[in-house]
Amino acid sequence: MHVVVMGCGRVGASLSDGLSRIGHDVAVIDRDATAFHRLSPEFVGERVLGMGFDRDVLLRAGIEEASAFAAVSSGDNSNIISARVARETFGVERVVARIYDAKRAAVYERLGIPTIATVPWTTDRLLNVLTLETETTKWRDPSGNVGVAELPLHEDWAGHRVTELESATGGRVAFLIRFGSGVLPDSKSVIQAGDQVYIAAVAGHIAEAMAISALPPSGDDS
């Protein structure tokens, strides 16, 4: 789908890179051209210079075709204004805004715009709100830096080693549920049909790992 991201700071760049890597069409907006240097060299989306709440800038970013919009600049006012324009003017279904002021966040939630606070797992939560329907993680450590999630595994992963899945997703397979019993895999373990696979990954990469695992392994014909 086409996603417009307003703000190319650390979170905006991470979010844009993650969305691009899992196959979405991304346009990222920022008023500072040097902010685009935060994007990875592999980013294949569009860079749009301008204010994210400006109608013409949003049109250049493809807002009329967008399925999702994320406002993640450093300013609460800019974020909520652009989020409301995306929702109310252009009818974008999935809109999320990063809000630093917790009191404001509660107000905007009542307007029907999900808000994300400045927490370590911001990128995961943004990816989740924009692309997924359910909560990504089953467990997080107290610092929020490491999470464990069940992967929506594509059937073609059956027959592949867990190490291949780890290499593709950038996480570690913590355990499997096979025939109702927990299994701790090793480097030689092979994924079987019907396995429930749980992966541990650092914040910012969990939702991306889930999206990758839902696709067939790289190089498979299917």
Protein backbone atom coordinates (compact mmCIF):
# COMPACT_ATOMS: atom_id res chain seq x y z
CA MET A 1 0.00 0.00 0.00
CA HIS A 2 1.00 3.66 -0.30
CA VAL A 3 2.02 5.24 3.02
CA VAL A 4 2.86 8.89 3.66
CA VAL A 5 5.18 9.66 6.57
CA MET A 6 5.43 13.24 7.82
CA GLY A 7 8.77 13.84 9.54
CA CYS A 8 12.13 12.28 8.78
CA GLY A 9 13.73 12.34 12.20
CA ARG A 10 15.01 9.17 13.84
CA VAL A 11 11.54 7.64 14.17
CA GLY A 12 10.30 8.82 10.78
CA ALA A 13 13.38 7.51 8.99
CA SER A 14 13.22 4.18 10.84
CA LEU A 15 9.52 3.83 10.07
CA SER A 16 9.98 4.76 6.40
CA ASP A 17 12.87 2.34 5.99
CA GLY A 18 10.92 -0.45 7.65
CA LEU A 19 7.82 0.09 5.52
CA SER A 20 9.92 0.25 2.37
CA ARG A 21 11.81 -2.95 3.23
CA ILE A 22 8.59 -4.93 3.60
CA GLY A 23 7.33 -3.82 0.22
CA HIS A 24 5.15 -0.77 0.80
CA ASP A 25 5.25 2.35 -1.39
CA VAL A 26 6.44 5.17 0.89
CA ALA A 27 6.64 8.95 0.57
CA VAL A 28 8.36 10.77 3.44
CA ILE A 29 7.94 14.50 4.01
CA ASP A 30 10.28 16.88 5.81
CA ARG A 31 10.93 20.62 5.64
CA ASP A 32 14.69 20.07 6.02
CA ALA A 33 16.36 18.40 3.04
CA THR A 34 19.27 17.19 5.21
CA ALA A 35 16.81 15.08 7.25
CA PHE A 36 16.55 12.67 4.33
CA HIS A 37 20.18 11.68 4.98
CA ARG A 38 18.83 9.58 7.88
CA LEU A 39 17.19 7.22 5.41
CA SER A 40 19.13 4.09 4.54
CA PRO A 41 20.80 3.83 1.12
CA GLU A 42 18.33 1.04 0.29
CA PHE A 43 15.27 3.29 0.74
CA VAL A 44 13.39 3.33 -2.57
CA GLY A 45 10.53 5.63 -1.63
CA GLU A 46 9.93 9.27 -2.45
CA ARG A 47 11.41 12.23 -0.56
CA VAL A 48 9.13 15.27 -0.47
CA LEU A 49 10.42 18.63 0.76
CA GLY A 50 7.89 20.85 2.54
CA MET A 51 5.54 21.24 5.50
CA GLY A 52 3.56 18.09 6.22
CA PHE A 53 0.28 19.90 6.86
CA ASP A 54 0.44 21.86 3.59
CA ARG A 55 -2.21 20.58 1.18
CA ASP A 56 -0.01 20.93 -1.92
CA VAL A 57 2.87 19.12 -0.22
CA LEU A 58 0.57 16.29 0.79
CA LEU A 59 -0.72 16.06 -2.77
CA ARG A 60 2.86 15.80 -4.07
CA ALA A 61 3.39 12.98 -1.59
CA GLY A 62 0.43 11.09 -3.04
CA ILE A 63 -1.96 11.55 -0.13
CA GLU A 64 -4.96 10.97 -2.39
CA GLU A 65 -3.77 7.40 -3.03
CA ALA A 66 -2.53 6.78 0.51
CA SER A 67 -3.90 3.95 2.63
CA ALA A 68 -2.03 5.16 5.72
CA PHE A 69 -0.49 8.33 7.12
CA ALA A 70 1.95 8.80 10.02
CA ALA A 71 2.75 12.19 11.55
CA VAL A 72 6.02 11.77 13.44
CA SER A 73 7.71 15.19 13.35
CA SER A 74 9.15 16.81 16.48
CA GLY A 75 6.13 19.09 16.99
CA ASP A 76 2.83 18.05 18.54
CA ASN A 77 0.87 20.81 16.78
CA SER A 78 2.28 19.96 13.36
CA ASN A 79 1.63 16.27 13.90
CA ILE A 80 -1.99 16.63 14.95
CA ILE A 81 -2.82 19.23 12.27
CA SER A 82 -1.38 17.09 9.50
CA ALA A 83 -3.05 13.98 10.92
CA ARG A 84 -6.43 15.71 10.94
CA VAL A 85 -5.93 16.99 7.38
CA ALA A 86 -5.07 13.47 6.21
CA ARG A 87 -8.12 12.01 7.96
CA GLU A 88 -10.72 14.72 7.46
CA THR A 89 -9.72 16.29 4.15
CA PHE A 90 -8.34 13.32 2.24
CA GLY A 91 -10.18 10.47 3.99
CA VAL A 92 -7.11 8.37 4.79
CA GLU A 93 -8.33 5.38 6.80
CA ARG A 94 -5.26 4.62 8.90
CA VAL A 95 -3.81 7.70 10.55
CA VAL A 96 -1.48 7.87 13.54
CA ALA A 97 0.27 10.81 15.21
CA ARG A 98 3.25 10.93 17.53
CA ILE A 99 2.38 13.14 20.52
CA TYR A 100 4.85 14.17 23.22
CA ASP A 101 2.29 15.70 25.61
CA ALA A 102 0.36 12.87 27.31
CA LYS A 103 -2.55 15.19 28.16
CA ARG A 104 -2.96 16.17 24.53
CA ALA A 105 -2.72 12.53 23.46
CA ALA A 106 -5.86 11.65 25.41
CA VAL A 107 -7.79 14.44 23.67
CA TYR A 108 -6.67 13.39 20.20
CA GLU A 109 -7.50 9.74 20.89
CA ARG A 110 -11.09 10.90 21.45
CA LEU A 111 -10.99 12.47 17.99
CA GLY A 112 -10.35 9.01 16.60
CA ILE A 113 -6.66 9.52 15.82
CA PRO A 114 -4.38 6.95 17.51
CA THR A 115 -1.36 8.54 19.16
CA ILE A 116 2.07 7.14 19.91
CA ALA A 117 4.17 8.41 22.81
CA THR A 118 7.95 8.75 22.95
CA VAL A 119 8.69 5.21 24.09
CA PRO A 120 11.47 2.80 22.98
CA TRP A 121 9.11 0.70 20.89
CA THR A 122 7.60 3.62 18.92
CA THR A 123 8.60 2.22 15.53
CA ASP A 124 7.05 -1.16 16.26
CA ARG A 125 3.79 0.40 17.40
CA LEU A 126 3.64 2.68 14.36
CA LEU A 127 4.23 -0.21 11.97
CA ASN A 128 1.59 -2.18 13.85
CA VAL A 129 -1.05 0.55 13.66
CA LEU A 130 -0.36 1.24 9.98
CA THR A 131 -0.01 -2.30 8.65
CA LEU A 132 -1.28 -4.89 11.13
CA GLU A 133 -4.57 -5.59 12.86
CA THR A 134 -3.40 -7.12 16.15
CA GLU A 135 -0.86 -6.42 18.87
CA THR A 136 2.61 -7.39 17.71
CA THR A 137 4.24 -8.61 20.89
CA LYS A 138 3.41 -11.25 23.50
CA TRP A 139 6.14 -10.13 25.93
CA ARG A 140 8.62 -7.29 26.45
CA ASP A 141 11.46 -6.87 28.89
CA PRO A 142 11.02 -4.08 31.50
CA SER A 143 13.04 -1.60 29.44
CA GLY A 144 10.94 -2.23 26.34
CA ASN A 145 14.05 -2.94 24.29
CA VAL A 146 13.45 -6.64 23.52
CA GLY A 147 10.16 -8.26 22.63
CA VAL A 148 8.87 -11.74 21.81
CA ALA A 149 6.19 -12.18 19.16
CA GLU A 150 4.50 -15.06 17.37
CA LEU A 151 5.31 -14.96 13.67
CA PRO A 152 2.55 -15.24 11.04
CA LEU A 153 4.62 -17.82 9.20
CA HIS A 154 4.12 -18.43 5.47
CA GLU A 155 3.59 -22.13 4.73
CA ASP A 156 6.64 -22.23 2.46
CA TRP A 157 8.94 -21.83 5.47
CA ALA A 158 8.25 -25.50 6.29
CA GLY A 159 11.40 -27.46 5.50
CA HIS A 160 13.72 -24.51 6.11
CA ARG A 161 16.06 -24.26 9.09
CA VAL A 162 15.29 -21.80 11.85
CA THR A 163 18.65 -20.17 11.13
CA GLU A 164 17.37 -19.17 7.68
CA LEU A 165 14.34 -17.53 9.26
CA GLU A 166 16.57 -15.73 11.74
CA SER A 167 18.78 -14.45 8.95
CA ALA A 168 15.78 -13.16 6.99
CA THR A 169 14.04 -11.46 9.92
CA GLY A 170 17.02 -10.25 11.92
CA GLY A 171 15.67 -11.85 15.10
CA ARG A 172 16.21 -15.06 17.04
CA VAL A 173 13.74 -17.92 17.22
CA ALA A 174 13.07 -18.17 20.96
CA PHE A 175 10.93 -21.32 20.86
CA LEU A 176 8.44 -23.32 18.81
CA ILE A 177 5.10 -24.82 19.67
CA ARG A 178 4.92 -28.19 17.89
CA PHE A 179 1.98 -30.55 18.38
CA GLY A 180 1.04 -28.58 21.48
CA SER A 181 4.45 -28.78 23.16
CA GLY A 182 7.18 -26.18 23.51
CA VAL A 183 10.46 -26.85 21.72
CA LEU A 184 13.78 -25.00 22.12
CA PRO A 185 15.39 -25.06 18.65
CA ASP A 186 19.10 -25.28 17.86
CA SER A 187 21.07 -24.43 14.73
CA LYS A 188 20.02 -27.68 13.04
CA SER A 189 16.30 -27.41 13.79
CA VAL A 190 13.99 -27.43 10.77
CA ILE A 191 10.60 -25.74 10.69
CA GLN A 192 7.70 -28.15 10.20
CA ALA A 193 4.20 -27.51 8.87
CA GLY A 194 1.94 -26.40 11.68
CA ASP A 195 4.72 -25.02 13.89
CA GLN A 196 3.97 -21.90 15.89
CA VAL A 197 7.19 -19.89 15.84
CA TYR A 198 8.03 -17.24 18.43
CA ILE A 199 10.84 -14.80 17.71
CA ALA A 200 12.79 -12.45 19.98
CA ALA A 201 13.88 -9.15 18.44
CA VAL A 202 14.88 -5.65 19.47
CA ALA A 203 12.37 -2.83 19.47
CA GLY A 204 11.88 -1.27 16.08
CA HIS A 205 12.23 -4.52 14.16
CA ILE A 206 9.46 -6.79 15.48
CA ALA A 207 6.65 -5.70 13.15
CA GLU A 208 9.08 -5.78 10.22
CA ALA A 209 10.14 -9.34 11.14
CA MET A 210 6.48 -10.37 11.25
CA ALA A 211 5.87 -8.94 7.79
CA ILE A 212 8.93 -10.73 6.37
CA SER A 213 7.93 -14.08 7.90
CA ALA A 214 4.49 -13.83 6.30
CA LEU A 215 6.17 -13.93 2.88
CA PRO A 216 7.73 -17.03 1.29
CA PRO A 217 11.48 -17.45 1.83
CA SER A 218 13.66 -15.45 -0.52
CA GLY A 219 14.47 -17.51 -3.60
CA ASP A 220 11.37 -19.71 -3.37
CA ASP A 221 9.31 -19.86 -6.53
CA SER A 222 5.96 -19.59 -4.77
